[in-house]
């Protein structure tokens, strides 16, 4: 499979090759057109020069025609008879031409006055004038037994006696063909060399540009092999796409390292929390098996309930960490508060309900009920004589407040208490059966419902959720 470097080199070379071929073809066409026009102009100048001499004299005189090697010239009358031909010109367009003998009856070669009048009436040039129109054609001429291509210009003129003649002069196309051939040959030689240079430069530049990518790949392979997530990929100094890729990769590695570390801490803390009630329950059962009269049944039941709650919390956290999304059903928060508080008959302090605005949110009723229950359990642990719940709607948000008259949460600890397995009073939390997961679960659920959970002042916990539409 071709590498990115090879693909980039091939692509750049192909694009440059297409561009050069198109430019070369255009150049050859323009050069050929210009040289063709130049040959036509030279032929027209030669034809007009002869025509002007004829217009001021006659065909029978010495026309001093150009050398046939430079400009083959043929002068014909209306009937196509050759009246004059340049030196060494043997044939034009494959038709042989011969220089006429002007010693014969010259009168027969003059047009009658009637013919002159007819030509003048037909719109041709007047006696002593050269027609402005020029007819261009490509053809061949044989000069000194050498046949070559020429650009011919044909001009009509009348001498002073009224005879109408056509002067056809040519300009060789050989210089044009030689020039085009030279340029074409130079392009055929230079194009492959230029493409080799382009391919080489592209290969080197691409290799240099992709060198940091290879460094990133190598470091990622080493991290995968060593499972050391504290390592980071090298970041190039250039502020380009590769630099941004390296920084993003390092950010991803940092997030992954934090996640793995959090999972390790979670497993360690969970095993520690499970070890105590399991060891206590086992001890009680072993003592009961050896001495039935010493079996502490209420204590065993309490440890079992504690294990049940802890296992339920751990399973819920595992589902939340796995990305479980709340259901999209509508939940009446006011009804949820009334129903859940009415079922808490065993609380140490009765829960007092304050203001209850009507509001519905989108989410899981079970998870939101778990949040409310955890907040009320936390308030029951710390309250002195009062626990209050109120629900306030403000615009597109609804706020659930749980307040108690306890000592409150120190400002420095208001974020730490939402971490997993964190207890500000470990001894009391263990006695009450808490594992330090209730507030962590409550905040995770709040965030997954698009809201937030925090301590605003003292011991007031506020749960903010968006109102369902």
Protein backbone atom coordinates (compact mmCIF):
# COMPACT_ATOMS: atom_id res chain seq x y z
CA UNK A 1 0.00 0.00 0.00
CA UNK A 2 1.42 3.36 -1.03
CA UNK A 3 2.43 5.75 1.73
CA UNK A 4 1.12 9.28 2.13
CA UNK A 5 4.50 10.56 0.93
CA UNK A 6 4.30 8.49 -2.27
CA UNK A 7 0.71 9.54 -2.91
CA UNK A 8 1.54 13.22 -2.40
CA UNK A 9 4.55 12.96 -4.71
CA UNK A 10 2.58 11.17 -7.41
CA UNK A 11 -0.29 13.62 -7.15
CA UNK A 12 1.93 16.70 -7.31
CA UNK A 13 3.91 15.29 -10.23
CA UNK A 14 0.73 14.43 -12.14
CA UNK A 15 -0.75 17.89 -11.60
CA UNK A 16 2.46 19.61 -12.70
CA UNK A 17 2.74 17.29 -15.72
CA UNK A 18 -0.80 18.11 -16.84
CA UNK A 19 -0.20 21.82 -16.33
CA UNK A 20 3.08 21.75 -18.27
CA UNK A 21 1.58 19.72 -21.14
CA UNK A 22 -1.34 22.14 -21.40
CA UNK A 23 0.99 25.14 -21.27
CA UNK A 24 3.34 23.56 -23.82
CA UNK A 25 0.53 22.81 -26.27
CA UNK A 26 -0.77 26.36 -25.90
CA UNK A 27 2.73 27.75 -26.45
CA UNK A 28 3.26 25.69 -29.59
CA UNK A 29 -0.11 26.75 -30.99
CA UNK A 30 0.57 30.42 -30.30
CA UNK A 31 4.10 30.21 -31.72
CA UNK A 32 2.90 28.43 -34.83
CA UNK A 33 0.09 30.92 -35.32
CA UNK A 34 2.41 33.90 -34.95
CA UNK A 35 5.00 32.46 -37.34
CA UNK A 36 2.23 31.57 -39.79
CA UNK A 37 0.90 35.12 -39.69
CA UNK A 38 4.42 36.48 -40.11
CA UNK A 39 4.95 34.30 -43.20
CA UNK A 40 1.64 35.55 -44.60
CA UNK A 41 2.66 39.15 -43.98
CA UNK A 42 5.98 38.63 -45.75
CA UNK A 43 4.18 37.01 -48.68
CA UNK A 44 1.71 39.92 -48.84
CA UNK A 45 4.53 42.49 -48.83
CA UNK A 46 6.28 40.66 -51.67
CA UNK A 47 3.04 40.30 -53.69
CA UNK A 48 2.12 43.99 -53.26
CA UNK A 49 5.60 45.09 -54.22
CA UNK A 50 5.31 43.26 -57.56
CA UNK A 51 1.69 44.37 -58.01
CA UNK A 52 2.58 48.05 -57.48
CA UNK A 53 5.33 47.84 -60.10
CA UNK A 54 2.86 46.27 -62.51
CA UNK A 55 0.25 48.95 -61.71
CA UNK A 56 2.72 51.70 -62.57
CA UNK A 57 4.09 49.98 -65.71
CA UNK A 58 3.17 46.81 -67.53
CA UNK A 59 3.71 43.09 -67.36
CA UNK A 60 5.92 43.14 -70.39
CA UNK A 61 8.62 45.22 -68.74
CA UNK A 62 11.41 44.09 -66.45
CA UNK A 63 9.57 43.42 -63.19
CA UNK A 64 12.69 42.53 -61.22
CA UNK A 65 10.89 39.69 -59.41
CA UNK A 66 12.28 38.49 -56.08
CA UNK A 67 14.64 35.56 -55.97
CA UNK A 68 12.67 32.33 -56.06
CA UNK A 69 14.56 30.96 -53.05
CA UNK A 70 13.20 33.82 -50.92
CA UNK A 71 9.75 34.45 -52.37
CA UNK A 72 8.50 32.43 -55.36
CA UNK A 73 6.31 34.75 -57.45
CA UNK A 74 3.93 33.89 -60.29
CA UNK A 75 1.95 36.50 -62.27
CA UNK A 76 -1.12 35.25 -64.18
CA UNK A 77 -3.93 36.85 -66.14
CA UNK A 78 -7.67 36.24 -65.83
CA UNK A 79 -7.41 33.10 -67.92
CA UNK A 80 -4.72 31.60 -65.70
CA UNK A 81 -1.92 32.08 -68.24
CA UNK A 82 1.46 32.70 -66.70
CA UNK A 83 2.69 36.19 -67.54
CA UNK A 84 5.77 36.24 -65.30
CA UNK A 85 7.53 33.89 -62.89
CA UNK A 86 10.41 34.27 -60.48
CA UNK A 87 13.87 32.83 -61.12
CA UNK A 88 14.33 29.12 -60.48
CA UNK A 89 10.59 28.61 -59.81
CA UNK A 90 9.65 25.32 -61.47
CA UNK A 91 6.17 24.49 -60.09
CA UNK A 92 3.48 25.82 -57.75
CA UNK A 93 1.05 23.44 -56.03
CA UNK A 94 2.35 20.66 -58.25
CA UNK A 95 1.64 22.54 -61.51
CA UNK A 96 4.64 23.29 -63.64
CA UNK A 97 5.19 26.96 -64.55
CA UNK A 98 7.48 28.33 -67.25
CA UNK A 99 8.72 31.82 -67.84
CA UNK A 100 6.85 33.23 -70.93
CA UNK A 101 8.56 34.57 -74.05
CA UNK A 102 7.76 38.30 -74.18
CA UNK A 103 9.29 38.54 -77.69
CA UNK A 104 6.04 37.20 -79.24
CA UNK A 105 3.14 39.30 -80.26
CA UNK A 106 2.81 41.65 -77.38
CA UNK A 107 -0.47 43.03 -78.57
CA UNK A 108 -2.12 39.70 -78.11
CA UNK A 109 -1.21 39.86 -74.50
CA UNK A 110 -3.04 43.15 -73.91
CA UNK A 111 -6.66 43.25 -72.98
CA UNK A 112 -8.98 45.16 -75.24
CA UNK A 113 -10.62 48.31 -74.11
CA UNK A 114 -13.93 46.50 -73.84
CA UNK A 115 -12.40 43.89 -71.53
CA UNK A 116 -10.91 46.68 -69.41
CA UNK A 117 -14.29 48.37 -69.20
CA UNK A 118 -15.91 45.05 -68.18
CA UNK A 119 -13.35 44.51 -65.42
CA UNK A 120 -13.82 48.03 -64.18
CA UNK A 121 -17.57 47.62 -64.15
CA UNK A 122 -17.15 44.34 -62.24
CA UNK A 123 -15.70 46.23 -59.28
CA UNK A 124 -12.04 45.28 -59.66
CA UNK A 125 -9.11 47.67 -59.31
CA UNK A 126 -8.86 50.60 -61.69
CA UNK A 127 -5.98 50.90 -64.16
CA UNK A 128 -2.80 51.79 -62.31
CA UNK A 129 -4.16 50.54 -58.93
CA UNK A 130 -3.71 47.50 -56.66
CA UNK A 131 -6.69 45.79 -55.04
CA UNK A 132 -6.89 46.09 -51.24
CA UNK A 133 -8.11 42.50 -50.78
CA UNK A 134 -5.58 39.73 -50.23
CA UNK A 135 -6.22 36.00 -50.54
CA UNK A 136 -4.06 33.77 -48.31
CA UNK A 137 -3.51 30.08 -48.91
CA UNK A 138 -1.02 27.41 -47.95
CA UNK A 139 0.62 25.46 -50.73
CA UNK A 140 3.84 24.08 -52.13
CA UNK A 141 6.41 25.39 -54.56
CA UNK A 142 9.35 23.77 -56.35
CA UNK A 143 12.45 25.96 -56.54
CA UNK A 144 15.62 24.49 -58.04
CA UNK A 145 14.16 21.00 -57.80
CA UNK A 146 13.43 21.47 -54.08
CA UNK A 147 9.78 21.29 -53.04
CA UNK A 148 8.71 22.92 -49.78
CA UNK A 149 5.65 24.40 -48.07
CA UNK A 150 4.84 28.09 -48.52
CA UNK A 151 2.30 30.64 -47.36
CA UNK A 152 0.95 32.32 -50.52
CA UNK A 153 -0.65 35.76 -50.78
CA UNK A 154 -2.60 36.63 -53.96
CA UNK A 155 -3.19 40.30 -54.94
CA UNK A 156 -4.97 41.65 -58.01
CA UNK A 157 -3.74 44.73 -59.93
CA UNK A 158 -4.18 46.55 -63.29
CA UNK A 159 -1.41 48.05 -65.30
CA UNK A 160 -1.70 51.37 -67.04
CA UNK A 161 -3.17 49.69 -70.13
CA UNK A 162 -6.05 48.21 -68.08
CA UNK A 163 -4.85 44.64 -68.07
CA UNK A 164 -5.90 42.77 -64.91
CA UNK A 165 -3.34 40.42 -63.42
CA UNK A 166 -3.02 38.31 -60.27
CA UNK A 167 0.26 38.35 -58.40
CA UNK A 168 0.84 35.30 -56.22
CA UNK A 169 3.87 35.47 -53.90
CA UNK A 170 4.94 32.93 -51.30
CA UNK A 171 6.89 32.94 -48.07
CA UNK A 172 8.57 29.73 -46.93
CA UNK A 173 7.03 27.88 -43.97
CA UNK A 174 10.25 26.02 -43.30
CA UNK A 175 11.46 28.54 -40.63
CA UNK A 176 8.12 28.18 -38.88
CA UNK A 177 8.36 24.41 -38.93
CA UNK A 178 11.96 24.50 -37.75
CA UNK A 179 11.15 26.88 -34.89
CA UNK A 180 8.14 24.83 -33.77
CA UNK A 181 10.17 21.64 -34.02
CA UNK A 182 13.00 23.16 -31.98
CA UNK A 183 10.66 24.32 -29.22
CA UNK A 184 8.84 20.98 -29.23
CA UNK A 185 12.12 19.09 -28.96
CA UNK A 186 13.28 21.31 -26.10
CA UNK A 187 9.99 20.71 -24.29
CA UNK A 188 10.19 16.95 -24.76
CA UNK A 189 13.65 16.98 -23.22
CA UNK A 190 12.96 19.53 -20.48
CA UNK A 191 9.57 18.22 -19.36
CA UNK A 192 10.81 14.87 -17.97
CA UNK A 193 13.72 16.59 -16.25
CA UNK A 194 11.41 19.17 -14.69
CA UNK A 195 9.02 16.43 -13.53
CA UNK A 196 11.93 14.60 -11.92
CA UNK A 197 12.87 17.78 -10.05
CA UNK A 198 9.25 18.30 -8.94
CA UNK A 199 8.95 14.69 -7.78
CA UNK A 200 12.25 14.87 -5.88
CA UNK A 201 11.43 18.17 -4.18
CA UNK A 202 7.91 17.00 -3.27
CA UNK A 203 9.31 13.77 -1.84
CA UNK A 204 11.84 15.61 0.32
CA UNK A 205 9.40 18.29 1.48
CA UNK A 206 6.72 15.71 2.30
CA UNK A 207 9.21 13.59 4.22
CA UNK A 208 10.27 16.59 6.26
CA UNK A 209 6.66 17.64 6.86
CA UNK A 210 5.61 14.14 7.94
CA UNK A 211 8.63 13.52 10.16
CA UNK A 212 6.80 14.86 13.28
CA UNK A 213 3.85 12.59 12.45
CA UNK A 214 6.18 9.59 12.45
CA UNK A 215 7.50 10.76 15.81
CA UNK A 216 3.95 10.96 17.17
CA UNK A 217 3.16 7.51 15.80
CA UNK A 218 6.29 6.00 17.28
CA UNK A 219 5.61 7.50 20.71
CA UNK A 220 1.98 6.33 20.63
CA UNK A 221 3.18 2.82 19.78
CA UNK A 222 5.62 2.95 22.69
CA UNK A 223 2.86 4.16 25.05
CA UNK A 224 0.59 1.34 23.89
CA UNK A 225 3.33 -1.23 24.43
CA UNK A 226 4.36 0.10 27.85
CA UNK A 227 0.82 1.08 29.06
CA UNK A 228 2.49 4.13 30.61
CA UNK A 229 -0.13 6.84 30.11
CA UNK A 230 2.06 9.48 31.76
CA UNK A 231 4.18 9.73 28.62
CA UNK A 232 3.41 12.37 26.01
CA UNK A 233 4.07 12.67 22.28
CA UNK A 234 6.59 15.27 21.06
CA UNK A 235 5.08 18.62 20.07
CA UNK A 236 6.79 20.32 17.08
CA UNK A 237 7.65 23.99 17.36
CA UNK A 238 5.68 24.92 14.23
CA UNK A 239 2.16 26.22 14.90
CA UNK A 240 0.56 24.19 12.13
CA UNK A 241 -1.87 21.27 11.76
CA UNK A 242 0.69 18.74 12.97
CA UNK A 243 1.43 20.84 16.04
CA UNK A 244 -2.27 21.03 16.83
CA UNK A 245 -2.54 17.27 16.29
CA UNK A 246 0.27 16.65 18.78
CA UNK A 247 -1.30 18.96 21.38
CA UNK A 248 -4.71 17.35 20.95
CA UNK A 249 -3.13 13.91 21.26
CA UNK A 250 -1.46 14.93 24.51
CA UNK A 251 -4.75 16.30 25.81
CA UNK A 252 -6.42 13.00 24.94
CA UNK A 253 -3.65 11.09 26.71
CA UNK A 254 -4.04 13.32 29.77
CA UNK A 255 -7.80 12.73 29.84
CA UNK A 256 -7.27 9.00 29.38
CA UNK A 257 -4.68 8.93 32.16
CA UNK A 258 -7.05 10.79 34.48
CA UNK A 259 -9.88 8.41 33.60
CA UNK A 260 -7.76 5.32 34.20
CA UNK A 261 -6.46 6.75 37.45
CA UNK A 262 -10.01 7.54 38.53
CA UNK A 263 -11.05 4.00 37.70
CA UNK A 264 -8.13 2.57 39.68
CA UNK A 265 -9.00 4.74 42.66
CA UNK A 266 -12.62 3.74 42.32
CA UNK A 267 -11.79 0.02 42.30
CA UNK A 268 -9.44 0.41 45.25
CA UNK A 269 -11.96 2.41 47.28
CA UNK A 270 -14.81 0.05 46.34
CA UNK A 271 -12.80 -3.00 47.43
CA UNK A 272 -11.94 -1.25 50.69
CA UNK A 273 -15.57 -0.32 51.35
CA UNK A 274 -16.76 -3.84 50.57
CA UNK A 275 -14.10 -5.49 52.69
CA UNK A 276 -15.33 -4.04 56.00
CA UNK A 277 -19.01 -5.14 55.93
CA UNK A 278 -18.12 -8.49 54.38
CA UNK A 279 -15.50 -9.16 57.07
CA UNK A 280 -17.93 -8.06 59.80
CA UNK A 281 -20.73 -10.23 58.43
CA UNK A 282 -18.42 -13.23 58.08
CA UNK A 283 -17.18 -12.82 61.66
CA UNK A 284 -20.70 -12.69 63.00
CA UNK A 285 -21.74 -15.76 61.02
CA UNK A 286 -18.67 -17.74 62.13
CA UNK A 287 -19.30 -16.80 65.75
CA UNK A 288 -22.97 -17.72 65.34
CA UNK A 289 -22.03 -21.06 63.82
CA UNK A 290 -19.73 -21.88 66.77
CA UNK A 291 -21.89 -20.26 69.48
CA UNK A 292 -25.47 -19.80 68.31
CA UNK A 293 -26.37 -17.94 71.49
CA UNK A 294 -23.86 -15.19 70.56
CA UNK A 295 -25.20 -14.59 67.01
CA UNK A 296 -25.95 -10.86 66.50
CA UNK A 297 -28.84 -11.09 64.06
CA UNK A 298 -29.62 -7.33 63.95
CA UNK A 299 -25.96 -6.57 63.29
CA UNK A 300 -25.84 -9.14 60.51
CA UNK A 301 -28.95 -7.67 58.96
CA UNK A 302 -27.47 -4.16 59.20
CA UNK A 303 -24.26 -5.26 57.48
CA UNK A 304 -26.28 -7.01 54.77
CA UNK A 305 -28.36 -3.89 54.14
CA UNK A 306 -25.21 -1.82 54.00
CA UNK A 307 -23.75 -4.24 51.45
CA UNK A 308 -26.94 -4.07 49.42
CA UNK A 309 -26.90 -0.27 49.31
CA UNK A 310 -23.21 -0.16 48.46
CA UNK A 311 -23.62 -2.70 45.66
CA UNK A 312 -26.56 -0.71 44.25
CA UNK A 313 -24.49 2.50 44.33
CA UNK A 314 -21.55 0.82 42.61
CA UNK A 315 -23.77 -0.64 39.89
CA UNK A 316 -25.38 2.75 39.25
CA UNK A 317 -21.97 4.44 39.01
CA UNK A 318 -20.81 1.74 36.60
CA UNK A 319 -23.83 2.40 34.38
CA UNK A 320 -23.25 6.14 34.50
CA UNK A 321 -19.56 5.73 33.66
CA UNK A 322 -20.54 3.49 30.74
CA UNK A 323 -22.47 6.42 29.27
CA UNK A 324 -26.02 5.37 30.13
CA UNK A 325 -28.33 8.19 29.09
CA UNK A 326 -31.54 9.00 30.96
CA UNK A 327 -34.84 8.16 29.32
CA UNK A 328 -36.66 10.94 27.52
CA UNK A 329 -39.88 10.74 29.59
CA UNK A 330 -41.36 13.81 31.27
CA UNK A 331 -41.10 13.96 35.05
CA UNK A 332 -43.26 16.19 37.25
CA UNK A 333 -40.70 17.32 39.82
CA UNK A 334 -43.28 18.71 42.26
CA UNK A 335 -45.15 15.40 42.28
CA UNK A 336 -41.84 13.56 42.71
CA UNK A 337 -41.01 15.65 45.80
CA UNK A 338 -44.43 15.11 47.38
CA UNK A 339 -44.40 11.37 46.74
CA UNK A 340 -40.83 10.66 47.87
CA UNK A 341 -41.03 12.78 51.04
CA UNK A 342 -44.33 11.17 52.03
CA UNK A 343 -42.67 7.74 52.00
CA UNK A 344 -39.83 8.73 54.36
CA UNK A 345 -41.61 7.70 57.56
CA UNK A 346 -38.48 6.52 59.35
CA UNK A 347 -36.49 9.78 59.14
CA UNK A 348 -34.99 11.16 62.32
CA UNK A 349 -36.31 14.61 61.43
CA UNK A 350 -39.54 15.07 59.45
CA UNK A 351 -39.01 16.72 56.09
CA UNK A 352 -40.82 20.04 55.74
CA UNK A 353 -42.01 21.03 52.25
CA UNK A 354 -41.79 24.70 51.34
CA UNK A 355 -42.63 26.36 48.03
CA UNK A 356 -43.46 23.91 45.23
CA UNK A 357 -43.74 25.39 41.74
CA UNK A 358 -45.16 23.22 38.98
CA UNK A 359 -42.42 22.12 36.59
CA UNK A 360 -41.67 19.18 34.34
CA UNK A 361 -38.23 18.00 33.22
CA UNK A 362 -37.11 15.40 30.72
CA UNK A 363 -35.26 12.40 32.11
CA UNK A 364 -35.41 9.32 34.29
CA UNK A 365 -37.80 9.45 37.22
CA UNK A 366 -35.87 6.73 39.04
CA UNK A 367 -32.53 8.54 38.77
CA UNK A 368 -34.00 11.91 39.76
CA UNK A 369 -35.71 10.23 42.71
CA UNK A 370 -32.31 8.81 43.66
CA UNK A 371 -30.84 12.32 43.63
CA UNK A 372 -33.58 13.66 45.89
CA UNK A 373 -33.21 10.69 48.23
CA UNK A 374 -29.43 11.12 48.48
CA UNK A 375 -29.78 14.84 49.24
CA UNK A 376 -32.37 14.15 51.93
CA UNK A 377 -30.20 11.37 53.43
CA UNK A 378 -27.27 13.78 53.57
CA UNK A 379 -29.43 16.42 55.25
CA UNK A 380 -30.72 13.88 57.81
CA UNK A 381 -27.13 13.03 58.80
CA UNK A 382 -26.16 16.65 59.51
CA UNK A 383 -29.39 18.42 60.51
CA UNK A 384 -30.00 19.46 64.11
CA UNK A 385 -33.78 19.87 64.04
CA UNK A 386 -34.93 20.97 60.57
CA UNK A 387 -34.86 19.68 56.97
CA UNK A 388 -36.70 21.58 54.25
CA UNK A 389 -37.33 21.02 50.54
CA UNK A 390 -38.58 23.61 48.07
CA UNK A 391 -38.96 23.80 44.26
CA UNK A 392 -38.62 27.13 42.45
CA UNK A 393 -39.05 27.72 38.75
CA UNK A 394 -37.30 30.67 37.10
CA UNK A 395 -37.68 30.95 33.33
CA UNK A 396 -36.34 27.87 31.58
CA UNK A 397 -34.84 26.38 34.73
CA UNK A 398 -36.23 24.73 37.84
CA UNK A 399 -34.24 24.66 41.11
CA UNK A 400 -34.69 22.03 43.82
CA UNK A 401 -33.28 23.18 47.17
CA UNK A 402 -32.62 20.90 50.16
CA UNK A 403 -31.70 22.79 53.36
CA UNK A 404 -30.93 21.72 56.88
CA UNK A 405 -29.92 23.53 60.04
CA UNK A 406 -26.68 21.64 60.44
CA UNK A 407 -23.19 23.15 60.67
CA UNK A 408 -22.95 23.48 56.88
CA UNK A 409 -20.15 22.63 54.48
CA UNK A 410 -16.90 24.60 54.72
CA UNK A 411 -16.34 26.68 51.61
CA UNK A 412 -13.05 24.94 50.85
CA UNK A 413 -14.78 21.54 50.82
CA UNK A 414 -17.84 22.43 48.69
CA UNK A 415 -16.43 20.77 45.59
CA UNK A 416 -14.52 17.97 47.24
CA UNK A 417 -17.63 16.48 48.84
CA UNK A 418 -18.88 15.52 45.34
CA UNK A 419 -15.90 13.25 44.73
CA UNK A 420 -16.38 9.52 45.12
CA UNK A 421 -15.71 7.92 48.52
CA UNK A 422 -15.06 11.31 50.11
CA UNK A 423 -16.42 11.80 53.65
CA UNK A 424 -15.70 14.85 55.73
CA UNK A 425 -16.42 12.84 58.89
CA UNK A 426 -15.32 9.27 58.17
CA UNK A 427 -16.23 7.84 61.56
CA UNK A 428 -19.82 9.17 61.57
CA UNK A 429 -20.30 8.27 57.90
CA UNK A 430 -19.32 4.68 58.54
CA UNK A 431 -21.61 4.46 61.51
CA UNK A 432 -24.50 5.73 59.42
CA UNK A 433 -23.71 3.27 56.67
CA UNK A 434 -22.56 5.87 54.15
CA UNK A 435 -19.74 5.12 51.72
CA UNK A 436 -19.23 8.62 50.36
CA UNK A 437 -21.02 7.87 47.08
CA UNK A 438 -24.38 9.57 47.53
CA UNK A 439 -23.39 13.11 46.53
CA UNK A 440 -21.11 11.84 43.74
CA UNK A 441 -23.99 9.86 42.27
CA UNK A 442 -26.32 12.86 42.62
CA UNK A 443 -23.99 15.18 40.71
CA UNK A 444 -23.35 12.62 37.92
CA UNK A 445 -27.09 12.18 37.44
CA UNK A 446 -27.64 15.96 37.42
CA UNK A 447 -24.99 16.50 34.78
CA UNK A 448 -26.39 13.73 32.56
CA UNK A 449 -29.79 15.43 32.77
CA UNK A 450 -28.28 18.69 31.49
CA UNK A 451 -28.26 20.35 34.90
CA UNK A 452 -25.94 20.97 37.83
CA UNK A 453 -25.66 20.30 41.56
CA UNK A 454 -23.76 22.35 44.10
CA UNK A 455 -23.65 23.90 47.55
CA UNK A 456 -24.63 27.54 47.43
CA UNK A 457 -24.39 28.64 51.05
CA UNK A 458 -24.09 26.88 54.34
CA UNK A 459 -25.83 23.58 53.92
CA UNK A 460 -28.20 24.51 51.05
CA UNK A 461 -27.87 22.02 48.17
CA UNK A 462 -29.29 23.25 44.84
CA UNK A 463 -30.20 20.98 41.95
CA UNK A 464 -30.83 22.96 38.70
CA UNK A 465 -32.53 21.24 35.75
CA UNK A 466 -33.78 22.55 32.38
CA UNK A 467 -37.54 22.66 32.00
CA UNK A 468 -38.96 20.24 29.42
CA UNK A 469 -40.70 21.72 26.36
